[in-house]
Amino acid sequence: MAKNDKSFNRPKMVRKLKIILALIILGGVIYFIINVLKSDGIKIFYCLSDRECITVWKKTNGEVYIIPEKYEDNNEPRVSHIKTTNKQFLTLYFSKELPMKIIIRDEGNLRSNQKGYAIENKVKGEWELLEYSDRYKNILYKSDAIKFKDVKSTTKYLIINIEENYALDKDGKKLK
């Protein structure tokens, strides 16, 4: 039997496979770097239920957006949101008595005792963000409320620690 002129050359084949593998790995690294450079910070989702979610978007320039629901877009929010800093502490209330409304309560910040956030309501018919006041106290809290956690059964809340990347629900459960 005659030997084929194009005989199988194992070392040559291994070398070609190594080159292909190196190109695939290099392509993956380049893709990862482009995505990191294209990314504008990190987004963390906190959910109390399917409908009661918020997104905390910590941008690379230090700005923080808190946006109702899971916000996946990389553009500045065109929906209602809170614009704040990494040092701000907030409580967000959800109540069945106030559908499609989130009550925002200032819990201070690490820099000063002054309010360090701005509420921007954008689109009617979507979530509306409202500043906490005595007007909402009777809706959110039991009539004999003494403690912060003495909210009505129709009320849920998130205490958000932006800098440390977690939130607490009304049962004290840490959400990450």
N, C-alpha and C. Protein backbone atom coordinates (compact mmCIF):
# COMPACT_ATOMS: atom_id res chain seq x y z
N MET A 1 0.84 -1.17 0.00
CA MET A 1 0.00 0.00 0.00
C MET A 1 0.89 1.24 0.00
N ALA A 2 0.57 2.18 -0.87
CA ALA A 2 1.38 3.39 -0.98
C ALA A 2 1.05 4.37 0.13
N LYS A 3 2.09 4.99 0.60
CA LYS A 3 1.91 5.95 1.67
C LYS A 3 1.40 7.26 1.05
N ASN A 4 0.42 7.85 1.71
CA ASN A 4 -0.16 9.11 1.25
C ASN A 4 0.86 10.22 1.40
N ASP A 5 0.99 11.06 0.37
CA ASP A 5 1.94 12.17 0.41
C ASP A 5 1.59 13.17 1.52
N LYS A 6 0.33 13.30 1.79
CA LYS A 6 -0.12 14.24 2.83
C LYS A 6 -0.37 13.46 4.10
N SER A 7 0.65 12.87 4.60
CA SER A 7 0.51 12.06 5.81
C SER A 7 0.22 12.95 7.01
N PHE A 8 -0.40 12.37 7.98
CA PHE A 8 -0.80 13.05 9.20
C PHE A 8 0.45 13.43 9.99
N ASN A 9 0.59 14.70 10.28
CA ASN A 9 1.73 15.20 11.03
C ASN A 9 1.23 15.71 12.38
N ARG A 10 1.35 14.89 13.39
CA ARG A 10 0.81 15.19 14.72
C ARG A 10 1.39 16.49 15.32
N PRO A 11 2.69 16.70 15.33
CA PRO A 11 3.23 17.93 15.92
C PRO A 11 2.69 19.21 15.24
N LYS A 12 2.51 19.13 13.93
CA LYS A 12 2.00 20.28 13.20
C LYS A 12 0.54 20.56 13.59
N MET A 13 -0.24 19.50 13.75
CA MET A 13 -1.64 19.62 14.13
C MET A 13 -1.78 20.19 15.54
N VAL A 14 -0.94 19.75 16.46
CA VAL A 14 -0.97 20.24 17.84
C VAL A 14 -0.63 21.74 17.86
N ARG A 15 0.34 22.14 17.08
CA ARG A 15 0.73 23.54 17.00
C ARG A 15 -0.43 24.40 16.48
N LYS A 16 -1.13 23.92 15.44
CA LYS A 16 -2.28 24.66 14.90
C LYS A 16 -3.40 24.77 15.94
N LEU A 17 -3.64 23.69 16.67
CA LEU A 17 -4.68 23.72 17.70
C LEU A 17 -4.32 24.70 18.82
N LYS A 18 -3.03 24.76 19.18
CA LYS A 18 -2.60 25.70 20.21
C LYS A 18 -2.80 27.14 19.74
N ILE A 19 -2.51 27.40 18.49
CA ILE A 19 -2.70 28.75 17.94
C ILE A 19 -4.18 29.11 17.95
N ILE A 20 -5.03 28.17 17.53
CA ILE A 20 -6.48 28.42 17.53
C ILE A 20 -6.98 28.68 18.95
N LEU A 21 -6.54 27.87 19.88
CA LEU A 21 -6.95 28.02 21.28
C LEU A 21 -6.47 29.37 21.83
N ALA A 22 -5.24 29.76 21.51
CA ALA A 22 -4.70 31.05 21.97
C ALA A 22 -5.52 32.21 21.40
N LEU A 23 -5.93 32.10 20.13
CA LEU A 23 -6.74 33.15 19.51
C LEU A 23 -8.13 33.24 20.16
N ILE A 24 -8.71 32.10 20.50
CA ILE A 24 -10.01 32.09 21.17
C ILE A 24 -9.90 32.74 22.54
N ILE A 25 -8.88 32.39 23.31
CA ILE A 25 -8.69 32.98 24.63
C ILE A 25 -8.44 34.48 24.52
N LEU A 26 -7.59 34.88 23.57
CA LEU A 26 -7.31 36.30 23.35
C LEU A 26 -8.60 37.05 22.99
N GLY A 27 -9.41 36.46 22.13
CA GLY A 27 -10.69 37.08 21.76
C GLY A 27 -11.60 37.23 22.97
N GLY A 28 -11.64 36.22 23.84
CA GLY A 28 -12.44 36.30 25.06
C GLY A 28 -11.97 37.40 25.99
N VAL A 29 -10.66 37.52 26.14
CA VAL A 29 -10.09 38.57 26.99
C VAL A 29 -10.41 39.95 26.42
N ILE A 30 -10.27 40.13 25.13
CA ILE A 30 -10.59 41.40 24.49
C ILE A 30 -12.07 41.73 24.66
N TYR A 31 -12.94 40.75 24.50
CA TYR A 31 -14.38 40.93 24.68
C TYR A 31 -14.68 41.37 26.12
N PHE A 32 -14.05 40.73 27.09
CA PHE A 32 -14.25 41.06 28.51
C PHE A 32 -13.80 42.49 28.80
N ILE A 33 -12.64 42.87 28.28
CA ILE A 33 -12.12 44.22 28.50
C ILE A 33 -13.05 45.26 27.89
N ILE A 34 -13.53 45.02 26.69
CA ILE A 34 -14.45 45.96 26.03
C ILE A 34 -15.72 46.10 26.86
N ASN A 35 -16.26 44.99 27.36
CA ASN A 35 -17.47 45.06 28.18
C ASN A 35 -17.24 45.82 29.47
N VAL A 36 -16.10 45.64 30.10
CA VAL A 36 -15.80 46.36 31.33
C VAL A 36 -15.68 47.85 31.05
N LEU A 37 -14.99 48.21 29.98
CA LEU A 37 -14.83 49.62 29.64
C LEU A 37 -16.15 50.24 29.21
N LYS A 38 -17.00 49.47 28.57
CA LYS A 38 -18.29 49.96 28.10
C LYS A 38 -19.28 50.08 29.26
N SER A 39 -19.12 49.25 30.26
CA SER A 39 -20.01 49.25 31.42
C SER A 39 -19.88 50.55 32.19
N ASP A 40 -20.97 50.99 32.75
CA ASP A 40 -20.95 52.22 33.53
C ASP A 40 -21.37 51.89 34.96
N GLY A 41 -20.52 51.22 35.68
CA GLY A 41 -20.80 50.89 37.07
C GLY A 41 -21.46 49.53 37.23
N ILE A 42 -22.06 49.35 38.42
CA ILE A 42 -22.73 48.09 38.70
C ILE A 42 -24.19 48.34 39.05
N LYS A 43 -25.01 47.35 38.76
CA LYS A 43 -26.43 47.41 39.09
C LYS A 43 -26.75 46.26 40.03
N ILE A 44 -27.47 46.61 41.10
CA ILE A 44 -27.87 45.61 42.08
C ILE A 44 -29.39 45.67 42.17
N PHE A 45 -30.02 44.50 42.13
CA PHE A 45 -31.47 44.42 42.20
C PHE A 45 -31.90 43.91 43.56
N TYR A 46 -32.86 44.60 44.17
CA TYR A 46 -33.45 44.17 45.44
C TYR A 46 -34.95 43.99 45.22
N CYS A 47 -35.46 42.81 45.53
CA CYS A 47 -36.87 42.52 45.29
C CYS A 47 -37.56 42.02 46.55
N LEU A 48 -38.74 42.57 46.80
CA LEU A 48 -39.61 42.07 47.87
C LEU A 48 -40.63 41.10 47.30
N SER A 49 -40.95 41.27 46.01
CA SER A 49 -41.85 40.39 45.27
C SER A 49 -41.53 40.59 43.79
N ASP A 50 -42.27 39.93 42.92
CA ASP A 50 -42.03 40.09 41.48
C ASP A 50 -42.22 41.54 41.02
N ARG A 51 -43.19 42.21 41.60
CA ARG A 51 -43.53 43.56 41.17
C ARG A 51 -42.83 44.64 42.00
N GLU A 52 -42.36 44.30 43.17
CA GLU A 52 -41.77 45.27 44.08
C GLU A 52 -40.25 45.11 44.12
N CYS A 53 -39.63 45.61 43.07
CA CYS A 53 -38.18 45.55 42.92
C CYS A 53 -37.64 46.95 42.71
N ILE A 54 -36.38 47.12 43.09
CA ILE A 54 -35.69 48.35 42.75
C ILE A 54 -34.30 47.99 42.24
N THR A 55 -33.76 48.88 41.45
CA THR A 55 -32.39 48.76 40.96
C THR A 55 -31.56 49.86 41.59
N VAL A 56 -30.44 49.50 42.17
CA VAL A 56 -29.47 50.49 42.64
C VAL A 56 -28.32 50.45 41.64
N TRP A 57 -28.16 51.54 40.88
CA TRP A 57 -27.14 51.62 39.85
C TRP A 57 -26.05 52.56 40.34
N LYS A 58 -24.92 51.98 40.71
CA LYS A 58 -23.77 52.75 41.18
C LYS A 58 -22.86 52.98 39.98
N LYS A 59 -22.89 54.21 39.48
CA LYS A 59 -22.11 54.53 38.29
C LYS A 59 -20.65 54.77 38.64
N THR A 60 -19.79 54.64 37.66
CA THR A 60 -18.36 54.80 37.88
C THR A 60 -17.98 56.23 38.23
N ASN A 61 -18.81 57.21 37.89
CA ASN A 61 -18.50 58.62 38.20
C ASN A 61 -18.97 59.02 39.60
N GLY A 62 -19.50 58.07 40.39
CA GLY A 62 -19.91 58.36 41.75
C GLY A 62 -21.40 58.61 41.92
N GLU A 63 -22.10 58.87 40.83
CA GLU A 63 -23.54 59.05 40.91
C GLU A 63 -24.21 57.71 41.20
N VAL A 64 -25.35 57.77 41.87
CA VAL A 64 -26.13 56.57 42.13
C VAL A 64 -27.57 56.85 41.73
N TYR A 65 -28.16 55.93 40.97
CA TYR A 65 -29.57 56.00 40.61
C TYR A 65 -30.28 54.85 41.32
N ILE A 66 -31.42 55.17 41.91
CA ILE A 66 -32.30 54.14 42.46
C ILE A 66 -33.55 54.19 41.61
N ILE A 67 -33.84 53.06 40.95
CA ILE A 67 -34.86 53.02 39.91
C ILE A 67 -35.87 51.92 40.24
N PRO A 68 -37.17 52.21 40.17
CA PRO A 68 -38.17 51.16 40.39
C PRO A 68 -38.02 50.04 39.35
N GLU A 69 -38.28 48.82 39.79
CA GLU A 69 -38.22 47.61 38.98
C GLU A 69 -36.78 47.29 38.59
N LYS A 70 -36.61 46.28 37.78
CA LYS A 70 -35.27 45.88 37.32
C LYS A 70 -34.95 46.70 36.07
N TYR A 71 -33.97 47.57 36.19
CA TYR A 71 -33.59 48.47 35.10
C TYR A 71 -32.32 47.94 34.46
N GLU A 72 -32.43 47.48 33.22
CA GLU A 72 -31.30 46.84 32.54
C GLU A 72 -30.61 47.75 31.52
N ASP A 73 -31.23 48.86 31.19
CA ASP A 73 -30.70 49.77 30.19
C ASP A 73 -29.40 50.42 30.69
N ASN A 74 -28.51 50.79 29.77
CA ASN A 74 -27.26 51.45 30.15
C ASN A 74 -27.32 52.97 29.96
N ASN A 75 -28.48 53.48 29.56
CA ASN A 75 -28.67 54.91 29.39
C ASN A 75 -29.27 55.50 30.67
N GLU A 76 -29.08 56.80 30.85
CA GLU A 76 -29.67 57.48 32.01
C GLU A 76 -31.17 57.18 32.03
N PRO A 77 -31.72 56.93 33.22
CA PRO A 77 -33.13 56.51 33.30
C PRO A 77 -34.09 57.53 32.70
N ARG A 78 -35.02 57.01 31.92
CA ARG A 78 -36.10 57.83 31.37
C ARG A 78 -37.39 57.55 32.15
N VAL A 79 -37.26 56.82 33.23
CA VAL A 79 -38.37 56.52 34.12
C VAL A 79 -38.11 57.22 35.45
N SER A 80 -39.10 57.21 36.33
CA SER A 80 -38.93 57.84 37.65
C SER A 80 -37.76 57.20 38.38
N HIS A 81 -36.99 58.03 39.10
CA HIS A 81 -35.82 57.51 39.81
C HIS A 81 -35.37 58.50 40.88
N ILE A 82 -34.44 58.04 41.70
CA ILE A 82 -33.81 58.88 42.71
C ILE A 82 -32.35 59.01 42.29
N LYS A 83 -31.84 60.21 42.35
CA LYS A 83 -30.43 60.45 42.07
C LYS A 83 -29.77 60.83 43.39
N THR A 84 -28.72 60.11 43.77
CA THR A 84 -28.10 60.31 45.07
C THR A 84 -26.62 59.99 45.01
N THR A 85 -26.03 59.77 46.18
CA THR A 85 -24.62 59.41 46.27
C THR A 85 -24.48 58.08 47.01
N ASN A 86 -23.28 57.59 47.03
CA ASN A 86 -22.94 56.34 47.69
C ASN A 86 -23.14 56.40 49.21
N LYS A 87 -23.13 57.59 49.77
CA LYS A 87 -23.16 57.78 51.23
C LYS A 87 -24.57 57.91 51.80
N GLN A 88 -25.59 57.89 50.98
CA GLN A 88 -26.97 58.13 51.42
C GLN A 88 -27.63 56.85 51.93
N PHE A 89 -28.42 56.99 52.99
CA PHE A 89 -29.25 55.89 53.50
C PHE A 89 -30.71 56.27 53.26
N LEU A 90 -31.49 55.34 52.70
CA LEU A 90 -32.89 55.60 52.40
C LEU A 90 -33.74 54.40 52.79
N THR A 91 -35.00 54.67 53.12
CA THR A 91 -35.99 53.61 53.27
C THR A 91 -37.04 53.83 52.19
N LEU A 92 -37.37 52.77 51.47
CA LEU A 92 -38.38 52.83 50.42
C LEU A 92 -39.56 51.97 50.86
N TYR A 93 -40.75 52.58 50.92
CA TYR A 93 -41.97 51.90 51.35
C TYR A 93 -42.84 51.55 50.15
N PHE A 94 -43.38 50.34 50.17
CA PHE A 94 -44.37 49.89 49.19
C PHE A 94 -45.63 49.58 49.99
N SER A 95 -46.77 50.12 49.60
CA SER A 95 -48.02 49.86 50.32
C SER A 95 -49.11 49.48 49.32
N LYS A 96 -49.90 48.48 49.68
CA LYS A 96 -51.04 48.10 48.84
C LYS A 96 -52.07 49.22 48.80
N GLU A 97 -52.05 50.09 49.81
CA GLU A 97 -52.98 51.22 49.85
C GLU A 97 -52.55 52.36 48.93
N LEU A 98 -51.32 52.30 48.45
CA LEU A 98 -50.78 53.31 47.53
C LEU A 98 -50.18 52.59 46.31
N PRO A 99 -51.02 52.02 45.45
CA PRO A 99 -50.48 51.27 44.32
C PRO A 99 -49.66 52.15 43.37
N MET A 100 -48.59 51.59 42.88
CA MET A 100 -47.68 52.26 41.92
C MET A 100 -47.03 53.51 42.51
N LYS A 101 -46.90 53.53 43.84
CA LYS A 101 -46.22 54.63 44.51
C LYS A 101 -45.19 54.05 45.47
N ILE A 102 -44.05 54.69 45.54
CA ILE A 102 -43.00 54.32 46.48
C ILE A 102 -42.73 55.55 47.33
N ILE A 103 -42.82 55.38 48.64
CA ILE A 103 -42.57 56.48 49.56
C ILE A 103 -41.09 56.43 49.96
N ILE A 104 -40.40 57.55 49.83
CA ILE A 104 -38.97 57.63 50.10
C ILE A 104 -38.76 58.35 51.43
N ARG A 105 -38.05 57.71 52.33
CA ARG A 105 -37.75 58.31 53.64
C ARG A 105 -36.25 58.50 53.79
N ASP A 106 -35.86 59.73 54.07
CA ASP A 106 -34.45 60.08 54.26
C ASP A 106 -33.98 59.53 55.61
N GLU A 107 -32.92 58.73 55.58
CA GLU A 107 -32.34 58.17 56.81
C GLU A 107 -30.95 58.76 57.08
N GLY A 108 -30.66 59.88 56.41
CA GLY A 108 -29.38 60.54 56.62
C GLY A 108 -28.30 60.04 55.67
N ASN A 109 -27.13 60.61 55.83
CA ASN A 109 -26.00 60.16 55.01
C ASN A 109 -24.71 60.33 55.82
N LEU A 110 -23.64 59.81 55.30
CA LEU A 110 -22.37 59.80 56.01
C LEU A 110 -21.63 61.14 55.97
N ARG A 111 -22.08 62.07 55.15
CA ARG A 111 -21.38 63.34 55.00
C ARG A 111 -21.98 64.45 55.84
N SER A 112 -23.31 64.53 55.88
CA SER A 112 -23.95 65.63 56.59
C SER A 112 -25.37 65.21 56.98
N ASN A 113 -26.05 66.07 57.67
CA ASN A 113 -27.44 65.80 58.04
C ASN A 113 -28.41 66.35 57.00
N GLN A 114 -27.89 66.86 55.92
CA GLN A 114 -28.74 67.42 54.88
C GLN A 114 -29.14 66.34 53.89
N LYS A 115 -30.31 66.54 53.33
CA LYS A 115 -30.84 65.61 52.32
C LYS A 115 -29.85 65.55 51.16
N GLY A 116 -29.46 64.32 50.79
CA GLY A 116 -28.46 64.14 49.74
C GLY A 116 -28.99 63.40 48.54
N TYR A 117 -30.23 63.66 48.17
CA TYR A 117 -30.80 62.97 47.01
C TYR A 117 -31.88 63.84 46.37
N ALA A 118 -32.23 63.49 45.14
CA ALA A 118 -33.29 64.19 44.42
C ALA A 118 -34.21 63.16 43.79
N ILE A 119 -35.50 63.38 43.92
CA ILE A 119 -36.50 62.50 43.32
C ILE A 119 -36.89 63.10 41.97
N GLU A 120 -36.87 62.26 40.94
CA GLU A 120 -37.27 62.71 39.61
C GLU A 120 -38.37 61.78 39.09
N ASN A 121 -39.60 62.30 39.07
CA ASN A 121 -40.72 61.55 38.51
C ASN A 121 -40.82 61.89 37.03
N LYS A 122 -40.80 60.87 36.19
CA LYS A 122 -40.72 61.08 34.75
C LYS A 122 -42.03 60.80 34.01
N VAL A 123 -42.53 59.57 34.09
CA VAL A 123 -43.62 59.13 33.22
C VAL A 123 -44.87 58.86 34.04
N LYS A 124 -45.98 59.47 33.65
CA LYS A 124 -47.25 59.20 34.31
C LYS A 124 -47.68 57.77 33.98
N GLY A 125 -48.35 57.12 34.94
CA GLY A 125 -48.82 55.76 34.71
C GLY A 125 -47.82 54.71 35.14
N GLU A 126 -46.61 55.14 35.50
CA GLU A 126 -45.61 54.22 36.02
C GLU A 126 -45.41 54.54 37.49
N TRP A 127 -44.40 53.96 38.09
CA TRP A 127 -44.13 54.21 39.50
C TRP A 127 -43.95 55.70 39.76
N GLU A 128 -44.58 56.17 40.83
CA GLU A 128 -44.39 57.55 41.27
C GLU A 128 -43.65 57.50 42.60
N LEU A 129 -42.63 58.33 42.72
CA LEU A 129 -41.82 58.38 43.94
C LEU A 129 -42.24 59.60 44.75
N LEU A 130 -42.55 59.38 46.03
CA LEU A 130 -43.05 60.44 46.89
C LEU A 130 -42.20 60.56 48.14
N GLU A 131 -41.99 61.79 48.58
CA GLU A 131 -41.23 62.07 49.80
C GLU A 131 -42.08 61.70 51.01
N TYR A 132 -41.46 61.00 51.97
CA TYR A 132 -42.16 60.63 53.21
C TYR A 132 -42.57 61.89 53.97
N SER A 133 -43.79 61.85 54.52
CA SER A 133 -44.28 62.94 55.37
C SER A 133 -45.32 62.37 56.32
N ASP A 134 -45.77 63.19 57.26
CA ASP A 134 -46.80 62.74 58.21
C ASP A 134 -48.07 62.31 57.48
N ARG A 135 -48.28 62.84 56.32
CA ARG A 135 -49.45 62.48 55.50
C ARG A 135 -49.48 60.97 55.22
N TYR A 136 -48.31 60.36 55.06
CA TYR A 136 -48.24 58.93 54.73
C TYR A 136 -48.08 58.05 55.97
N LYS A 137 -47.78 58.66 57.10
CA LYS A 137 -47.54 57.89 58.33
C LYS A 137 -48.73 56.99 58.67
N ASN A 138 -49.96 57.53 58.60
CA ASN A 138 -51.16 56.75 58.92
C ASN A 138 -51.45 55.64 57.91
N ILE A 139 -50.96 55.81 56.71
CA ILE A 139 -51.16 54.79 55.67
C ILE A 139 -50.15 53.66 55.85
N LEU A 140 -48.93 53.99 56.23
CA LEU A 140 -47.85 53.01 56.33
C LEU A 140 -47.78 52.32 57.68
N TYR A 141 -48.03 53.06 58.74
CA TYR A 141 -47.82 52.54 60.09
C TYR A 141 -49.13 52.23 60.81
N LYS A 142 -49.05 51.27 61.74
CA LYS A 142 -50.18 50.95 62.61
C LYS A 142 -50.47 52.17 63.49
N SER A 143 -51.72 52.28 63.95
CA SER A 143 -52.10 53.44 64.76
C SER A 143 -51.34 53.50 66.09
N ASP A 144 -50.96 52.34 66.63
CA ASP A 144 -50.23 52.30 67.90
C ASP A 144 -48.72 52.08 67.70
N ALA A 145 -48.24 52.43 66.55
CA ALA A 145 -46.82 52.19 66.20
C ALA A 145 -45.89 52.95 67.15
N ILE A 146 -44.90 52.24 67.64
CA ILE A 146 -43.86 52.83 68.48
C ILE A 146 -42.51 52.68 67.80
N LYS A 147 -42.28 51.51 67.24
CA LYS A 147 -41.00 51.20 66.61
C LYS A 147 -41.06 51.43 65.10
N PHE A 148 -39.90 51.57 64.53
CA PHE A 148 -39.76 51.76 63.09
C PHE A 148 -40.42 50.61 62.31
N LYS A 149 -40.32 49.40 62.84
CA LYS A 149 -40.83 48.22 62.12
C LYS A 149 -42.32 47.95 62.35
N ASP A 150 -43.02 48.83 63.07
CA ASP A 150 -44.45 48.65 63.34
C ASP A 150 -45.32 49.13 62.17
N VAL A 151 -45.04 48.59 61.00
CA VAL A 151 -45.81 48.97 59.82
C VAL A 151 -47.03 48.06 59.68
N LYS A 152 -47.99 48.51 58.92
CA LYS A 152 -49.20 47.72 58.66
C LYS A 152 -48.83 46.48 57.84
N SER A 153 -49.72 45.49 57.87
CA SER A 153 -49.47 44.26 57.10
C SER A 153 -49.49 44.53 55.60
N THR A 154 -50.09 45.64 55.18
CA THR A 154 -50.15 46.00 53.75
C THR A 154 -48.91 46.78 53.30
N THR A 155 -47.98 46.99 54.22
CA THR A 155 -46.77 47.77 53.92
C THR A 155 -45.53 46.89 53.95
N LYS A 156 -44.68 47.09 52.98
CA LYS A 156 -43.35 46.47 52.94
C LYS A 156 -42.34 47.60 52.79
N TYR A 157 -41.11 47.35 53.19
CA TYR A 157 -40.10 48.38 52.99
C TYR A 157 -38.72 47.77 52.81
N LEU A 158 -37.86 48.59 52.24
CA LEU A 158 -36.44 48.28 52.07
C LEU A 158 -35.62 49.39 52.70
N ILE A 159 -34.73 49.04 53.60
CA ILE A 159 -33.75 50.00 54.11
C ILE A 159 -32.49 49.76 53.29
N ILE A 160 -32.06 50.77 52.55
CA ILE A 160 -30.96 50.58 51.60
C ILE A 160 -29.67 51.19 52.13
N ASN A 161 -28.63 50.37 52.17
CA ASN A 161 -27.29 50.83 52.47
C ASN A 161 -26.53 50.77 51.15
N ILE A 162 -26.45 51.90 50.49
CA ILE A 162 -25.88 51.95 49.14
C ILE A 162 -24.40 51.60 49.14
N GLU A 163 -23.66 52.18 50.06
CA GLU A 163 -22.21 51.98 50.08
C GLU A 163 -21.84 50.51 50.31
N GLU A 164 -22.57 49.83 51.19
CA GLU A 164 -22.24 48.44 51.54
C GLU A 164 -22.94 47.40 50.66
N ASN A 165 -23.75 47.85 49.69
CA ASN A 165 -24.41 46.95 48.73
C ASN A 165 -25.35 45.94 49.37
N TYR A 166 -26.24 46.41 50.23
CA TYR A 166 -27.28 45.52 50.73
C TYR A 166 -28.50 46.33 51.14
N ALA A 167 -29.60 45.61 51.32
CA ALA A 167 -30.84 46.22 51.81
C ALA A 167 -31.44 45.27 52.83
N LEU A 168 -32.23 45.82 53.75
CA LEU A 168 -32.94 45.03 54.74
C LEU A 168 -34.43 45.16 54.48
N ASP A 169 -35.18 44.05 54.62
CA ASP A 169 -36.62 44.14 54.51
C ASP A 169 -37.22 44.35 55.90
N LYS A 170 -38.55 44.37 56.00
CA LYS A 170 -39.17 44.69 57.29
C LYS A 170 -38.99 43.59 58.33
N ASP A 171 -38.58 42.40 57.91
CA ASP A 171 -38.29 41.32 58.85
C ASP A 171 -36.82 41.31 59.27
N GLY A 172 -36.05 42.27 58.77
CA GLY A 172 -34.63 42.35 59.10
C GLY A 172 -33.77 41.44 58.24
N LYS A 173 -34.37 40.83 57.22
CA LYS A 173 -33.64 39.94 56.32
C LYS A 173 -32.75 40.77 55.39
N LYS A 174 -31.49 40.39 55.33
CA LYS A 174 -30.52 41.10 54.49
C LYS A 174 -30.66 40.60 53.05
N LEU A 175 -30.91 41.53 52.14
CA LEU A 175 -31.02 41.22 50.71
C LEU A 175 -29.73 41.66 50.04
N LYS A 176 -29.16 40.79 49.24
CA LYS A 176 -27.92 41.12 48.52
C LYS A 176 -28.13 41.02 47.04
